């Protein structure tokens, strides 16, 4: 039952975010919601972790992050090493969505 409530909350948040910012595609909006729900960190969140959490291909998450960075929503930087992951920091606050 908790999963159903969580899914309904996510759907409401996604709908509200896309209504407020119609230029956001669904994947970009999901990435923003996941970043907003993550604990604050100066280093940001790994794009690989976002991909696992959302169960979406990492390349698609990286593309969404690049789009969000161009639009001023996030800042990205390479995670380092041989990894293709990015560190993603939310820099534009989302609307308060109860």
N, C-alpha and C. Protein backbone atom coordinates (compact mmCIF):
# COMPACT_ATOMS: atom_id res chain seq x y z
N UNK A 1 0.82 -1.19 0.00
CA UNK A 1 0.00 0.00 0.00
C UNK A 1 0.86 1.26 0.00
N UNK A 2 2.02 1.22 0.68
CA UNK A 2 2.91 2.38 0.72
C UNK A 2 3.45 2.70 -0.67
N UNK A 3 3.73 1.66 -1.47
CA UNK A 3 4.23 1.88 -2.83
C UNK A 3 3.19 2.60 -3.67
N UNK A 4 1.92 2.24 -3.50
CA UNK A 4 0.84 2.89 -4.25
C UNK A 4 0.76 4.37 -3.88
N UNK A 5 0.82 4.67 -2.59
CA UNK A 5 0.77 6.07 -2.14
C UNK A 5 1.97 6.84 -2.66
N UNK A 6 3.16 6.22 -2.63
CA UNK A 6 4.37 6.87 -3.13
C UNK A 6 4.25 7.13 -4.63
N UNK A 7 3.70 6.17 -5.36
CA UNK A 7 3.51 6.34 -6.80
C UNK A 7 2.53 7.45 -7.12
N UNK A 8 1.47 7.53 -6.33
CA UNK A 8 0.49 8.60 -6.53
C UNK A 8 1.08 9.96 -6.21
N UNK A 9 1.90 10.03 -5.16
CA UNK A 9 2.56 11.30 -4.81
C UNK A 9 3.50 11.71 -5.94
N UNK A 10 4.27 10.76 -6.46
CA UNK A 10 5.19 11.06 -7.56
C UNK A 10 4.42 11.55 -8.78
N UNK A 11 3.30 10.90 -9.10
CA UNK A 11 2.50 11.31 -10.26
C UNK A 11 1.97 12.73 -10.08
N UNK A 12 1.50 13.05 -8.87
CA UNK A 12 1.00 14.41 -8.61
C UNK A 12 2.13 15.44 -8.73
N UNK A 13 3.29 15.10 -8.17
CA UNK A 13 4.44 16.02 -8.24
C UNK A 13 4.89 16.21 -9.68
N UNK A 14 4.91 15.13 -10.45
CA UNK A 14 5.31 15.20 -11.86
C UNK A 14 4.33 16.06 -12.65
N UNK A 15 3.04 15.85 -12.43
CA UNK A 15 2.01 16.63 -13.11
C UNK A 15 2.13 18.11 -12.76
N UNK A 16 2.34 18.42 -11.48
CA UNK A 16 2.46 19.82 -11.05
C UNK A 16 3.71 20.48 -11.65
N UNK A 17 4.81 19.75 -11.66
CA UNK A 17 6.05 20.30 -12.20
C UNK A 17 5.93 20.57 -13.70
N UNK A 18 5.32 19.63 -14.43
CA UNK A 18 5.17 19.83 -15.87
C UNK A 18 4.13 20.90 -16.19
N UNK A 19 3.16 21.09 -15.31
CA UNK A 19 2.19 22.17 -15.52
C UNK A 19 2.87 23.52 -15.32
N UNK A 20 3.75 23.59 -14.32
CA UNK A 20 4.46 24.85 -14.04
C UNK A 20 5.54 25.13 -15.08
N UNK A 21 6.14 24.08 -15.61
CA UNK A 21 7.24 24.22 -16.58
C UNK A 21 6.98 23.29 -17.77
N UNK A 22 6.07 23.67 -18.66
CA UNK A 22 5.70 22.78 -19.76
C UNK A 22 6.84 22.45 -20.72
N UNK A 23 7.93 23.23 -20.67
CA UNK A 23 9.07 22.94 -21.55
C UNK A 23 9.84 21.70 -21.09
N UNK A 24 9.61 21.24 -19.86
CA UNK A 24 10.31 20.06 -19.36
C UNK A 24 9.70 18.79 -19.93
N UNK A 25 10.54 17.92 -20.47
CA UNK A 25 10.01 16.62 -20.87
C UNK A 25 9.90 15.74 -19.63
N UNK A 26 9.24 14.62 -19.76
CA UNK A 26 8.95 13.76 -18.61
C UNK A 26 10.22 13.28 -17.93
N UNK A 27 11.21 12.85 -18.69
CA UNK A 27 12.44 12.34 -18.08
C UNK A 27 13.18 13.44 -17.32
N UNK A 28 13.28 14.62 -17.90
CA UNK A 28 13.94 15.73 -17.21
C UNK A 28 13.21 16.07 -15.92
N UNK A 29 11.89 16.07 -15.96
CA UNK A 29 11.11 16.35 -14.76
C UNK A 29 11.33 15.27 -13.69
N UNK A 30 11.40 14.01 -14.10
CA UNK A 30 11.68 12.93 -13.15
C UNK A 30 13.05 13.09 -12.51
N UNK A 31 14.04 13.46 -13.31
CA UNK A 31 15.39 13.68 -12.77
C UNK A 31 15.36 14.82 -11.75
N UNK A 32 14.66 15.90 -12.06
CA UNK A 32 14.56 17.02 -11.12
C UNK A 32 13.90 16.58 -9.81
N UNK A 33 12.83 15.81 -9.91
CA UNK A 33 12.15 15.34 -8.70
C UNK A 33 13.05 14.43 -7.88
N UNK A 34 13.81 13.57 -8.55
CA UNK A 34 14.74 12.68 -7.83
C UNK A 34 15.84 13.49 -7.15
N UNK A 35 16.36 14.50 -7.84
CA UNK A 35 17.39 15.35 -7.24
C UNK A 35 16.83 16.11 -6.04
N UNK A 36 15.62 16.62 -6.18
CA UNK A 36 14.99 17.38 -5.11
C UNK A 36 14.75 16.51 -3.88
N UNK A 37 14.48 15.23 -4.09
CA UNK A 37 14.21 14.30 -2.99
C UNK A 37 15.50 13.77 -2.36
N UNK A 38 16.63 13.98 -3.00
CA UNK A 38 17.91 13.48 -2.48
C UNK A 38 18.40 14.36 -1.35
N UNK A 39 19.13 13.76 -0.40
CA UNK A 39 19.71 14.58 0.68
C UNK A 39 20.67 15.61 0.09
N UNK A 40 20.68 16.82 0.63
CA UNK A 40 21.59 17.86 0.11
C UNK A 40 23.05 17.42 0.22
N UNK A 41 23.81 17.74 -0.81
CA UNK A 41 25.24 17.40 -0.83
C UNK A 41 25.96 18.41 -1.70
N UNK A 42 27.08 18.92 -1.21
CA UNK A 42 27.87 19.87 -2.00
C UNK A 42 28.37 19.22 -3.28
N UNK A 43 28.65 17.92 -3.22
CA UNK A 43 29.17 17.21 -4.38
C UNK A 43 28.07 16.78 -5.34
N UNK A 44 26.81 16.88 -4.93
CA UNK A 44 25.71 16.49 -5.78
C UNK A 44 25.44 15.00 -5.73
N UNK A 45 24.65 14.56 -6.68
CA UNK A 45 24.22 13.17 -6.78
C UNK A 45 24.82 12.57 -8.04
N UNK A 46 25.25 11.34 -7.96
CA UNK A 46 25.81 10.65 -9.12
C UNK A 46 24.72 10.35 -10.14
N UNK A 47 25.00 10.62 -11.40
CA UNK A 47 24.04 10.29 -12.46
C UNK A 47 23.84 8.78 -12.54
N UNK A 48 24.87 8.00 -12.21
CA UNK A 48 24.73 6.54 -12.20
C UNK A 48 23.76 6.10 -11.12
N UNK A 49 23.82 6.75 -9.95
CA UNK A 49 22.89 6.44 -8.87
C UNK A 49 21.47 6.82 -9.27
N UNK A 50 21.31 7.97 -9.91
CA UNK A 50 19.98 8.36 -10.40
C UNK A 50 19.44 7.32 -11.38
N UNK A 51 20.29 6.85 -12.28
CA UNK A 51 19.87 5.85 -13.26
C UNK A 51 19.39 4.58 -12.57
N UNK A 52 20.12 4.13 -11.56
CA UNK A 52 19.71 2.92 -10.83
C UNK A 52 18.42 3.17 -10.07
N UNK A 53 18.33 4.32 -9.40
CA UNK A 53 17.15 4.65 -8.60
C UNK A 53 15.89 4.73 -9.47
N UNK A 54 16.02 5.34 -10.63
CA UNK A 54 14.87 5.50 -11.52
C UNK A 54 14.67 4.32 -12.46
N UNK A 55 15.65 3.39 -12.47
CA UNK A 55 15.62 2.23 -13.35
C UNK A 55 15.51 2.66 -14.82
N UNK A 56 16.39 3.61 -15.17
CA UNK A 56 16.44 4.17 -16.52
C UNK A 56 17.88 4.12 -16.99
N UNK A 57 18.09 3.85 -18.26
CA UNK A 57 19.43 3.76 -18.85
C UNK A 57 20.26 5.00 -18.51
N UNK A 58 21.51 4.78 -18.11
CA UNK A 58 22.38 5.87 -17.68
C UNK A 58 22.57 6.92 -18.78
N UNK A 59 22.71 6.50 -20.01
CA UNK A 59 22.90 7.46 -21.11
C UNK A 59 21.71 8.42 -21.22
N UNK A 60 20.51 7.93 -20.96
CA UNK A 60 19.33 8.79 -21.01
C UNK A 60 19.33 9.80 -19.85
N UNK A 61 19.79 9.34 -18.69
CA UNK A 61 19.89 10.25 -17.54
C UNK A 61 20.92 11.33 -17.82
N UNK A 62 22.07 10.94 -18.38
CA UNK A 62 23.11 11.92 -18.73
C UNK A 62 22.58 12.96 -19.72
N UNK A 63 21.82 12.50 -20.71
CA UNK A 63 21.24 13.41 -21.70
C UNK A 63 20.26 14.38 -21.04
N UNK A 64 19.42 13.85 -20.14
CA UNK A 64 18.47 14.71 -19.43
C UNK A 64 19.21 15.73 -18.57
N UNK A 65 20.30 15.30 -17.93
CA UNK A 65 21.10 16.21 -17.10
C UNK A 65 21.73 17.31 -17.96
N UNK A 66 22.19 16.96 -19.14
CA UNK A 66 22.78 17.96 -20.05
C UNK A 66 21.73 18.99 -20.45
N UNK A 67 20.53 18.53 -20.75
CA UNK A 67 19.43 19.42 -21.11
C UNK A 67 19.08 20.34 -19.93
N UNK A 68 19.03 19.76 -18.73
CA UNK A 68 18.71 20.54 -17.54
C UNK A 68 19.81 21.56 -17.23
N UNK A 69 21.06 21.20 -17.51
CA UNK A 69 22.15 22.14 -17.27
C UNK A 69 22.06 23.32 -18.24
N UNK A 70 21.75 23.04 -19.50
CA UNK A 70 21.59 24.11 -20.49
C UNK A 70 20.47 25.06 -20.09
N UNK A 71 19.43 24.53 -19.44
CA UNK A 71 18.29 25.34 -19.03
C UNK A 71 18.50 26.02 -17.68
N UNK A 72 19.64 25.76 -17.03
CA UNK A 72 19.94 26.42 -15.77
C UNK A 72 19.38 25.76 -14.52
N UNK A 73 18.91 24.53 -14.63
CA UNK A 73 18.34 23.82 -13.48
C UNK A 73 19.40 23.15 -12.62
N UNK A 74 20.44 22.63 -13.26
CA UNK A 74 21.46 21.86 -12.53
C UNK A 74 22.85 22.28 -12.99
N UNK A 75 23.82 21.89 -12.19
CA UNK A 75 25.23 22.01 -12.56
C UNK A 75 25.78 20.59 -12.57
N UNK A 76 26.56 20.24 -13.58
CA UNK A 76 27.16 18.91 -13.63
C UNK A 76 28.67 19.02 -13.73
N UNK A 77 29.33 17.97 -13.28
CA UNK A 77 30.77 17.84 -13.47
C UNK A 77 31.09 16.36 -13.49
N UNK A 78 32.17 15.97 -14.15
CA UNK A 78 32.54 14.56 -14.20
C UNK A 78 32.75 14.02 -12.79
N UNK A 79 32.31 12.78 -12.58
CA UNK A 79 32.48 12.15 -11.26
C UNK A 79 33.93 11.79 -11.00
N UNK A 80 34.70 11.65 -12.07
CA UNK A 80 36.12 11.35 -11.91
C UNK A 80 36.45 9.92 -12.27
N UNK A 81 37.73 9.68 -12.44
CA UNK A 81 38.17 8.34 -12.79
C UNK A 81 37.71 7.93 -14.16
N UNK A 82 37.58 6.64 -14.35
CA UNK A 82 37.17 6.09 -15.64
C UNK A 82 35.65 6.08 -15.81
N UNK A 83 34.94 6.49 -14.78
CA UNK A 83 33.48 6.47 -14.81
C UNK A 83 32.93 7.51 -15.78
N UNK A 84 31.83 7.15 -16.42
CA UNK A 84 31.14 8.11 -17.28
C UNK A 84 30.10 8.90 -16.49
N UNK A 85 30.02 8.64 -15.19
CA UNK A 85 29.02 9.29 -14.35
C UNK A 85 29.33 10.77 -14.17
N UNK A 86 28.28 11.52 -13.92
CA UNK A 86 28.38 12.94 -13.60
C UNK A 86 27.96 13.15 -12.16
N UNK A 87 28.47 14.20 -11.54
CA UNK A 87 27.95 14.68 -10.26
C UNK A 87 26.96 15.77 -10.63
N UNK A 88 25.74 15.67 -10.16
CA UNK A 88 24.67 16.58 -10.54
C UNK A 88 24.17 17.33 -9.30
N UNK A 89 24.17 18.65 -9.39
CA UNK A 89 23.72 19.50 -8.28
C UNK A 89 22.53 20.32 -8.75
N UNK A 90 21.43 20.26 -8.02
CA UNK A 90 20.25 21.06 -8.31
C UNK A 90 20.53 22.50 -7.89
N UNK A 91 20.45 23.44 -8.82
CA UNK A 91 20.76 24.84 -8.50
C UNK A 91 19.55 25.76 -8.60
N UNK A 92 18.48 25.28 -9.19
CA UNK A 92 17.25 26.08 -9.31
C UNK A 92 16.18 25.36 -8.50
N UNK A 93 15.66 25.99 -7.44
CA UNK A 93 14.70 25.29 -6.58
C UNK A 93 13.39 24.97 -7.31
N UNK A 94 12.82 23.84 -6.94
CA UNK A 94 11.53 23.45 -7.49
C UNK A 94 10.44 24.17 -6.72
N UNK A 95 9.26 24.23 -7.30
CA UNK A 95 8.11 24.80 -6.61
C UNK A 95 7.78 23.95 -5.40
N UNK A 96 7.24 24.57 -4.37
CA UNK A 96 6.77 23.80 -3.22
C UNK A 96 5.52 23.05 -3.67
N UNK A 97 5.64 21.72 -3.66
CA UNK A 97 4.52 20.89 -4.11
C UNK A 97 4.11 19.98 -2.98
N UNK A 98 3.06 20.36 -2.26
CA UNK A 98 2.60 19.59 -1.10
C UNK A 98 2.15 18.32 -1.48
